[in-house]
Amino acid sequence: MRKLGICLFAMALGACSFVTIADRYGNEYGDWYNPGANFTWQLGVCDRQMDAQNVPPMSRKAAMRCCMRDHGVPVDDAQGCSA
């Protein structure tokens, strides 16, 4: 019975990776109600935008999160993003 519980727990953790996507700066997008796979085009657009605008490396994590928010992706912490 204990092995079944461990297996179910591992499957639940693995399922989380199916509902979220991450950018190369450490931000994660998506949840159970808004699967991250729905945001792949926004991720591509914002990745290209970070490179095209030459955003400084220290600012890229926040800039990427704000870019994703600007393209309609729900983000948990939108502080510091201009409206």
N, C-alpha and C. Protein backbone atom coordinates (compact mmCIF):
# COMPACT_ATOMS: atom_id res chain seq x y z
N MET A 1 0.83 -1.19 0.00
CA MET A 1 0.00 0.00 0.00
C MET A 1 0.88 1.26 0.00
N ARG A 2 1.99 1.19 0.71
CA ARG A 2 2.89 2.34 0.78
C ARG A 2 3.50 2.64 -0.59
N LYS A 3 3.84 1.58 -1.33
CA LYS A 3 4.41 1.76 -2.67
C LYS A 3 3.40 2.44 -3.59
N LEU A 4 2.12 2.11 -3.43
CA LEU A 4 1.08 2.73 -4.24
C LEU A 4 1.01 4.22 -3.95
N GLY A 5 1.10 4.58 -2.67
CA GLY A 5 1.07 5.99 -2.28
C GLY A 5 2.25 6.76 -2.85
N ILE A 6 3.42 6.16 -2.80
CA ILE A 6 4.62 6.80 -3.34
C ILE A 6 4.48 6.96 -4.85
N CYS A 7 3.96 5.93 -5.50
CA CYS A 7 3.77 5.99 -6.95
C CYS A 7 2.78 7.09 -7.33
N LEU A 8 1.67 7.20 -6.63
CA LEU A 8 0.69 8.24 -6.91
C LEU A 8 1.27 9.63 -6.68
N PHE A 9 2.06 9.78 -5.63
CA PHE A 9 2.71 11.06 -5.36
C PHE A 9 3.66 11.44 -6.48
N ALA A 10 4.45 10.49 -6.94
CA ALA A 10 5.39 10.74 -8.03
C ALA A 10 4.65 11.09 -9.31
N MET A 11 3.54 10.43 -9.57
CA MET A 11 2.75 10.74 -10.77
C MET A 11 2.16 12.14 -10.68
N ALA A 12 1.72 12.54 -9.49
CA ALA A 12 1.16 13.88 -9.31
C ALA A 12 2.23 14.94 -9.56
N LEU A 13 3.44 14.70 -9.06
CA LEU A 13 4.52 15.65 -9.31
C LEU A 13 4.87 15.72 -10.79
N GLY A 14 4.87 14.58 -11.45
CA GLY A 14 5.17 14.55 -12.87
C GLY A 14 4.10 15.24 -13.69
N ALA A 15 2.86 15.17 -13.24
CA ALA A 15 1.77 15.83 -13.96
C ALA A 15 1.93 17.34 -13.96
N CYS A 16 2.56 17.88 -12.94
CA CYS A 16 2.78 19.33 -12.88
C CYS A 16 3.62 19.80 -14.07
N SER A 17 4.53 18.98 -14.53
CA SER A 17 5.37 19.39 -15.65
C SER A 17 4.57 19.44 -16.95
N PHE A 18 3.42 18.80 -16.99
CA PHE A 18 2.59 18.85 -18.19
C PHE A 18 1.74 20.11 -18.25
N VAL A 19 1.54 20.79 -17.13
CA VAL A 19 0.70 21.97 -17.13
C VAL A 19 1.48 23.27 -17.08
N THR A 20 2.79 23.21 -16.88
CA THR A 20 3.59 24.43 -16.84
C THR A 20 4.69 24.39 -17.89
N ILE A 21 5.10 25.57 -18.33
CA ILE A 21 6.29 25.70 -19.16
C ILE A 21 7.19 26.71 -18.46
N ALA A 22 8.45 26.67 -18.78
CA ALA A 22 9.41 27.58 -18.16
C ALA A 22 10.24 28.25 -19.23
N ASP A 23 10.62 29.49 -18.96
CA ASP A 23 11.54 30.17 -19.88
C ASP A 23 12.96 29.92 -19.41
N ARG A 24 13.90 30.40 -20.18
CA ARG A 24 15.30 30.14 -19.85
C ARG A 24 15.82 31.00 -18.70
N TYR A 25 14.96 31.86 -18.14
CA TYR A 25 15.36 32.72 -17.04
C TYR A 25 14.80 32.25 -15.70
N GLY A 26 14.03 31.16 -15.70
CA GLY A 26 13.53 30.59 -14.47
C GLY A 26 12.07 30.87 -14.16
N ASN A 27 11.39 31.63 -14.98
CA ASN A 27 9.96 31.88 -14.77
C ASN A 27 9.16 30.67 -15.25
N GLU A 28 8.08 30.37 -14.56
CA GLU A 28 7.18 29.30 -14.97
C GLU A 28 5.80 29.88 -15.25
N TYR A 29 5.15 29.34 -16.26
CA TYR A 29 3.83 29.82 -16.67
C TYR A 29 2.89 28.63 -16.79
N GLY A 30 1.65 28.87 -16.41
CA GLY A 30 0.63 27.84 -16.53
C GLY A 30 0.20 27.31 -15.17
N ASP A 31 -0.98 26.74 -15.15
CA ASP A 31 -1.52 26.09 -13.96
C ASP A 31 -2.56 25.08 -14.42
N TRP A 32 -3.28 24.51 -13.48
CA TRP A 32 -4.25 23.47 -13.84
C TRP A 32 -5.34 24.01 -14.77
N TYR A 33 -5.68 25.29 -14.64
CA TYR A 33 -6.77 25.86 -15.42
C TYR A 33 -6.28 26.54 -16.70
N ASN A 34 -5.03 26.89 -16.76
CA ASN A 34 -4.40 27.52 -17.92
C ASN A 34 -3.12 26.77 -18.23
N PRO A 35 -3.20 25.62 -18.90
CA PRO A 35 -1.99 24.82 -19.15
C PRO A 35 -0.92 25.61 -19.89
N GLY A 36 0.31 25.44 -19.48
CA GLY A 36 1.42 26.16 -20.07
C GLY A 36 1.60 25.91 -21.55
N ALA A 37 1.17 24.74 -22.03
CA ALA A 37 1.30 24.43 -23.46
C ALA A 37 0.53 25.43 -24.31
N ASN A 38 -0.47 26.10 -23.73
CA ASN A 38 -1.23 27.10 -24.47
C ASN A 38 -0.44 28.38 -24.69
N PHE A 39 0.69 28.53 -24.03
CA PHE A 39 1.45 29.77 -24.07
C PHE A 39 2.77 29.65 -24.83
N THR A 40 2.92 28.64 -25.65
CA THR A 40 4.21 28.44 -26.33
C THR A 40 4.49 29.53 -27.34
N TRP A 41 3.47 30.03 -28.03
CA TRP A 41 3.75 31.08 -29.02
C TRP A 41 4.19 32.36 -28.32
N GLN A 42 3.58 32.68 -27.16
CA GLN A 42 3.99 33.86 -26.42
C GLN A 42 5.43 33.72 -25.92
N LEU A 43 5.79 32.52 -25.51
CA LEU A 43 7.15 32.26 -25.05
C LEU A 43 8.15 32.52 -26.17
N GLY A 44 7.84 32.06 -27.36
CA GLY A 44 8.72 32.28 -28.51
C GLY A 44 8.84 33.76 -28.87
N VAL A 45 7.71 34.46 -28.86
CA VAL A 45 7.70 35.89 -29.19
C VAL A 45 8.54 36.66 -28.17
N CYS A 46 8.34 36.37 -26.90
CA CYS A 46 9.06 37.10 -25.86
C CYS A 46 10.55 36.75 -25.84
N ASP A 47 10.89 35.51 -26.13
CA ASP A 47 12.31 35.13 -26.23
C ASP A 47 13.00 35.95 -27.32
N ARG A 48 12.36 36.04 -28.48
CA ARG A 48 12.94 36.82 -29.58
C ARG A 48 13.01 38.30 -29.22
N GLN A 49 12.01 38.78 -28.50
CA GLN A 49 11.99 40.19 -28.10
C GLN A 49 13.13 40.49 -27.13
N MET A 50 13.43 39.59 -26.21
CA MET A 50 14.53 39.81 -25.26
C MET A 50 15.85 39.96 -26.01
N ASP A 51 16.05 39.12 -27.04
CA ASP A 51 17.28 39.18 -27.82
C ASP A 51 17.32 40.42 -28.71
N ALA A 52 16.20 40.76 -29.33
CA ALA A 52 16.16 41.90 -30.26
C ALA A 52 16.34 43.23 -29.54
N GLN A 53 15.83 43.33 -28.32
CA GLN A 53 15.92 44.59 -27.59
C GLN A 53 17.19 44.70 -26.74
N ASN A 54 18.02 43.68 -26.78
CA ASN A 54 19.26 43.67 -26.00
C ASN A 54 19.02 44.03 -24.54
N VAL A 55 18.05 43.37 -23.92
CA VAL A 55 17.76 43.58 -22.50
C VAL A 55 18.95 43.08 -21.69
N PRO A 56 19.43 43.88 -20.73
CA PRO A 56 20.57 43.45 -19.92
C PRO A 56 20.27 42.13 -19.20
N PRO A 57 21.26 41.26 -19.08
CA PRO A 57 21.04 39.94 -18.46
C PRO A 57 20.38 39.99 -17.08
N MET A 58 20.74 40.96 -16.26
CA MET A 58 20.17 41.04 -14.91
C MET A 58 18.69 41.41 -14.92
N SER A 59 18.21 42.00 -16.00
CA SER A 59 16.82 42.45 -16.08
C SER A 59 15.93 41.50 -16.87
N ARG A 60 16.51 40.49 -17.46
CA ARG A 60 15.74 39.64 -18.37
C ARG A 60 14.64 38.83 -17.70
N LYS A 61 14.86 38.36 -16.48
CA LYS A 61 13.83 37.55 -15.82
C LYS A 61 12.56 38.37 -15.64
N ALA A 62 12.68 39.58 -15.12
CA ALA A 62 11.50 40.44 -14.91
C ALA A 62 10.93 40.89 -16.25
N ALA A 63 11.78 41.24 -17.20
CA ALA A 63 11.31 41.70 -18.50
C ALA A 63 10.55 40.59 -19.24
N MET A 64 11.03 39.37 -19.11
CA MET A 64 10.36 38.24 -19.75
C MET A 64 8.99 38.01 -19.13
N ARG A 65 8.91 38.06 -17.81
CA ARG A 65 7.64 37.89 -17.12
C ARG A 65 6.65 38.98 -17.54
N CYS A 66 7.12 40.22 -17.65
CA CYS A 66 6.25 41.32 -18.06
C CYS A 66 5.81 41.16 -19.52
N CYS A 67 6.71 40.71 -20.37
CA CYS A 67 6.38 40.48 -21.77
C CYS A 67 5.29 39.42 -21.88
N MET A 68 5.46 38.34 -21.15
CA MET A 68 4.45 37.27 -21.18
C MET A 68 3.11 37.80 -20.69
N ARG A 69 3.12 38.60 -19.64
CA ARG A 69 1.88 39.20 -19.13
C ARG A 69 1.25 40.10 -20.19
N ASP A 70 2.07 40.88 -20.88
CA ASP A 70 1.57 41.78 -21.92
C ASP A 70 0.95 41.02 -23.09
N HIS A 71 1.34 39.76 -23.27
CA HIS A 71 0.78 38.94 -24.35
C HIS A 71 -0.34 38.03 -23.87
N GLY A 72 -0.90 38.33 -22.70
CA GLY A 72 -2.08 37.63 -22.23
C GLY A 72 -1.86 36.42 -21.34
N VAL A 73 -0.63 36.19 -20.93
CA VAL A 73 -0.35 35.04 -20.07
C VAL A 73 -0.55 35.47 -18.61
N PRO A 74 -1.37 34.73 -17.85
CA PRO A 74 -1.53 35.08 -16.44
C PRO A 74 -0.24 34.79 -15.67
N VAL A 75 0.26 35.80 -14.98
CA VAL A 75 1.46 35.64 -14.16
C VAL A 75 1.12 35.95 -12.71
N ASP A 76 1.78 35.27 -11.79
CA ASP A 76 1.49 35.45 -10.37
C ASP A 76 1.95 36.80 -9.86
N ASP A 77 3.14 37.21 -10.24
CA ASP A 77 3.74 38.43 -9.69
C ASP A 77 4.03 39.39 -10.82
N ALA A 78 3.11 40.33 -11.06
CA ALA A 78 3.29 41.29 -12.14
C ALA A 78 3.80 42.63 -11.63
N GLN A 79 4.31 42.66 -10.41
CA GLN A 79 4.82 43.91 -9.86
C GLN A 79 6.02 44.37 -10.67
N GLY A 80 6.11 45.65 -10.87
CA GLY A 80 7.22 46.20 -11.61
C GLY A 80 6.97 46.28 -13.11
N CYS A 81 5.86 45.74 -13.57
CA CYS A 81 5.52 45.82 -14.99
C CYS A 81 4.69 47.09 -15.21
N SER A 82 5.02 47.84 -16.24
CA SER A 82 4.25 49.04 -16.53
C SER A 82 2.92 48.61 -17.16
N ALA A 83 1.92 49.36 -16.88
CA ALA A 83 0.56 49.01 -17.36
C ALA A 83 0.37 49.27 -18.82
